[in-house]
Amino acid sequence: MISSDEGMPQKDPCQKQACAIQKCLQANKYVESMCEDVIREMRRCCEAHTGNSICCSGFKYSKPAEKKSET
């Protein structure tokens, strides 16, 4: 036996944020700019739970050139 958790999947730490994004996008006809706040929350969650969240596996949570632009 591998572990007692194997049979029951644990709740994804970022599932709440992922659901909030889906709900927001559906309500706003999939206009991402209308859901920036919930997307930001998802980004924060994914950064905090790197590798522990299946919801984050397909989510690009690092904004290109936001923090790394040191010119």
N, C-alpha and C. Protein backbone atom coordinates (compact mmCIF):
# COMPACT_ATOMS: atom_id res chain seq x y z
N MET A 1 0.84 -1.19 0.00
CA MET A 1 0.00 0.00 0.00
C MET A 1 0.88 1.25 0.00
N ILE A 2 0.57 2.17 -0.89
CA ILE A 2 1.40 3.36 -1.06
C ILE A 2 1.14 4.37 0.07
N SER A 3 -0.08 4.86 0.16
CA SER A 3 -0.45 5.76 1.26
C SER A 3 -1.96 5.76 1.43
N SER A 4 -2.42 6.20 2.58
CA SER A 4 -3.85 6.20 2.85
C SER A 4 -4.58 7.27 2.04
N ASP A 5 -3.85 8.26 1.51
CA ASP A 5 -4.46 9.32 0.72
C ASP A 5 -4.68 8.91 -0.74
N GLU A 6 -4.06 7.80 -1.15
CA GLU A 6 -4.06 7.39 -2.55
C GLU A 6 -5.47 7.24 -3.13
N GLY A 7 -6.39 6.67 -2.37
CA GLY A 7 -7.73 6.45 -2.86
C GLY A 7 -8.55 7.72 -3.01
N MET A 8 -8.37 8.64 -2.09
CA MET A 8 -9.12 9.89 -2.14
C MET A 8 -8.21 11.05 -2.48
N PRO A 9 -8.45 11.69 -3.63
CA PRO A 9 -7.60 12.82 -4.00
C PRO A 9 -7.78 13.99 -3.03
N GLN A 10 -6.68 14.61 -2.66
CA GLN A 10 -6.77 15.76 -1.77
C GLN A 10 -7.30 16.95 -2.56
N LYS A 11 -7.95 17.86 -1.87
CA LYS A 11 -8.46 19.06 -2.51
C LYS A 11 -7.28 19.90 -2.98
N ASP A 12 -7.35 20.32 -4.22
CA ASP A 12 -6.29 21.13 -4.79
C ASP A 12 -6.25 22.48 -4.06
N PRO A 13 -5.05 22.92 -3.63
CA PRO A 13 -4.97 24.18 -2.88
C PRO A 13 -5.42 25.40 -3.69
N CYS A 14 -5.40 25.30 -5.01
CA CYS A 14 -5.78 26.45 -5.85
C CYS A 14 -7.08 26.21 -6.61
N GLN A 15 -7.82 25.19 -6.23
CA GLN A 15 -9.08 24.88 -6.93
C GLN A 15 -10.08 26.03 -6.81
N LYS A 16 -10.15 26.63 -5.64
CA LYS A 16 -11.08 27.74 -5.41
C LYS A 16 -10.82 28.88 -6.39
N GLN A 17 -9.53 29.22 -6.57
CA GLN A 17 -9.16 30.31 -7.47
C GLN A 17 -9.42 29.92 -8.93
N ALA A 18 -9.15 28.66 -9.27
CA ALA A 18 -9.38 28.19 -10.64
C ALA A 18 -10.87 28.27 -10.98
N CYS A 19 -11.72 27.88 -10.03
CA CYS A 19 -13.17 27.95 -10.23
C CYS A 19 -13.63 29.40 -10.35
N ALA A 20 -13.02 30.28 -9.56
CA ALA A 20 -13.37 31.70 -9.61
C ALA A 20 -13.04 32.29 -10.99
N ILE A 21 -11.91 31.87 -11.57
CA ILE A 21 -11.54 32.34 -12.90
C ILE A 21 -12.56 31.86 -13.93
N GLN A 22 -12.93 30.59 -13.87
CA GLN A 22 -13.91 30.05 -14.82
C GLN A 22 -15.24 30.80 -14.70
N LYS A 23 -15.68 31.01 -13.48
CA LYS A 23 -16.95 31.69 -13.24
C LYS A 23 -16.90 33.13 -13.78
N CYS A 24 -15.79 33.81 -13.50
CA CYS A 24 -15.62 35.19 -13.95
C CYS A 24 -15.57 35.27 -15.47
N LEU A 25 -14.80 34.40 -16.08
CA LEU A 25 -14.69 34.42 -17.55
C LEU A 25 -16.04 34.14 -18.21
N GLN A 26 -16.78 33.18 -17.69
CA GLN A 26 -18.09 32.88 -18.26
C GLN A 26 -19.03 34.07 -18.11
N ALA A 27 -18.98 34.73 -16.95
CA ALA A 27 -19.86 35.87 -16.69
C ALA A 27 -19.50 37.09 -17.55
N ASN A 28 -18.24 37.16 -17.98
CA ASN A 28 -17.76 38.32 -18.73
C ASN A 28 -17.42 37.98 -20.18
N LYS A 29 -18.08 36.96 -20.73
CA LYS A 29 -17.89 36.55 -22.12
C LYS A 29 -16.43 36.32 -22.48
N TYR A 30 -15.68 35.76 -21.54
CA TYR A 30 -14.27 35.38 -21.73
C TYR A 30 -13.35 36.55 -22.07
N VAL A 31 -13.67 37.72 -21.52
CA VAL A 31 -12.78 38.87 -21.65
C VAL A 31 -11.85 38.85 -20.43
N GLU A 32 -10.60 38.43 -20.66
CA GLU A 32 -9.64 38.26 -19.56
C GLU A 32 -9.43 39.53 -18.75
N SER A 33 -9.43 40.68 -19.40
CA SER A 33 -9.17 41.93 -18.70
C SER A 33 -10.22 42.22 -17.63
N MET A 34 -11.40 41.63 -17.76
CA MET A 34 -12.47 41.81 -16.77
C MET A 34 -12.22 40.95 -15.52
N CYS A 35 -11.28 40.02 -15.61
CA CYS A 35 -11.05 39.07 -14.52
C CYS A 35 -9.63 39.15 -13.98
N GLU A 36 -8.98 40.28 -14.16
CA GLU A 36 -7.58 40.41 -13.74
C GLU A 36 -7.38 40.15 -12.26
N ASP A 37 -8.33 40.56 -11.42
CA ASP A 37 -8.18 40.36 -9.98
C ASP A 37 -8.21 38.88 -9.61
N VAL A 38 -9.12 38.09 -10.20
CA VAL A 38 -9.16 36.66 -9.88
C VAL A 38 -7.98 35.92 -10.50
N ILE A 39 -7.52 36.38 -11.64
CA ILE A 39 -6.33 35.79 -12.26
C ILE A 39 -5.10 36.07 -11.40
N ARG A 40 -5.03 37.27 -10.84
CA ARG A 40 -3.93 37.63 -9.94
C ARG A 40 -3.92 36.74 -8.70
N GLU A 41 -5.10 36.46 -8.16
CA GLU A 41 -5.21 35.57 -7.00
C GLU A 41 -4.74 34.16 -7.35
N MET A 42 -5.09 33.70 -8.54
CA MET A 42 -4.65 32.37 -8.99
C MET A 42 -3.14 32.35 -9.12
N ARG A 43 -2.59 33.42 -9.65
CA ARG A 43 -1.13 33.53 -9.81
C ARG A 43 -0.44 33.43 -8.46
N ARG A 44 -0.98 34.16 -7.47
CA ARG A 44 -0.42 34.13 -6.11
C ARG A 44 -0.50 32.73 -5.52
N CYS A 45 -1.63 32.09 -5.71
CA CYS A 45 -1.81 30.74 -5.17
C CYS A 45 -0.82 29.77 -5.82
N CYS A 46 -0.67 29.86 -7.12
CA CYS A 46 0.24 28.97 -7.83
C CYS A 46 1.69 29.20 -7.41
N GLU A 47 2.04 30.45 -7.18
CA GLU A 47 3.40 30.74 -6.72
C GLU A 47 3.63 30.16 -5.33
N ALA A 48 2.59 30.20 -4.49
CA ALA A 48 2.70 29.68 -3.13
C ALA A 48 2.69 28.15 -3.09
N HIS A 49 2.05 27.53 -4.07
CA HIS A 49 1.88 26.07 -4.06
C HIS A 49 2.53 25.42 -5.27
N THR A 50 3.65 25.94 -5.73
CA THR A 50 4.34 25.39 -6.89
C THR A 50 4.56 23.89 -6.72
N GLY A 51 4.10 23.13 -7.70
CA GLY A 51 4.29 21.68 -7.66
C GLY A 51 3.25 20.92 -6.86
N ASN A 52 2.43 21.61 -6.09
CA ASN A 52 1.41 20.94 -5.27
C ASN A 52 0.00 21.10 -5.81
N SER A 53 -0.16 21.85 -6.89
CA SER A 53 -1.49 22.12 -7.41
C SER A 53 -1.61 21.66 -8.85
N ILE A 54 -2.56 20.75 -9.07
CA ILE A 54 -2.83 20.29 -10.43
C ILE A 54 -3.45 21.43 -11.23
N CYS A 55 -4.25 22.26 -10.59
CA CYS A 55 -4.88 23.39 -11.27
C CYS A 55 -3.85 24.32 -11.89
N CYS A 56 -2.67 24.41 -11.27
CA CYS A 56 -1.64 25.32 -11.76
C CYS A 56 -0.81 24.73 -12.90
N SER A 57 -0.94 23.42 -13.14
CA SER A 57 -0.08 22.77 -14.13
C SER A 57 -0.23 23.38 -15.53
N GLY A 58 -1.42 23.83 -15.88
CA GLY A 58 -1.62 24.43 -17.19
C GLY A 58 -1.77 25.94 -17.14
N PHE A 59 -1.51 26.51 -15.99
CA PHE A 59 -1.71 27.94 -15.79
C PHE A 59 -0.37 28.66 -15.84
N LYS A 60 -0.25 29.60 -16.76
CA LYS A 60 0.98 30.39 -16.84
C LYS A 60 0.87 31.52 -15.83
N TYR A 61 1.59 31.36 -14.72
CA TYR A 61 1.41 32.32 -13.63
C TYR A 61 2.54 33.30 -13.48
N SER A 62 3.51 33.27 -14.37
CA SER A 62 4.54 34.31 -14.32
C SER A 62 4.32 35.24 -15.49
N LYS A 63 4.02 36.48 -15.18
CA LYS A 63 3.81 37.46 -16.24
C LYS A 63 5.14 37.74 -16.93
N PRO A 64 5.17 37.70 -18.24
CA PRO A 64 6.43 37.94 -18.94
C PRO A 64 6.95 39.36 -18.71
N ALA A 65 8.21 39.44 -18.34
CA ALA A 65 8.93 40.70 -18.18
C ALA A 65 8.32 41.68 -17.18
N GLU A 66 7.60 41.17 -16.18
CA GLU A 66 7.03 42.07 -15.19
C GLU A 66 8.05 42.39 -14.10
N LYS A 67 8.60 41.36 -13.49
CA LYS A 67 9.55 41.57 -12.40
C LYS A 67 11.00 41.58 -12.87
N LYS A 68 11.26 40.95 -14.00
CA LYS A 68 12.63 40.76 -14.44
C LYS A 68 13.17 41.90 -15.31
N SER A 69 12.36 42.92 -15.56
CA SER A 69 12.80 44.00 -16.43
C SER A 69 13.65 45.02 -15.67
N GLU A 70 14.91 44.70 -15.52
CA GLU A 70 15.85 45.61 -14.85
C GLU A 70 16.76 46.25 -15.89
N THR A 71 16.30 47.37 -16.44
CA THR A 71 17.10 48.07 -17.46
C THR A 71 17.56 49.41 -17.00
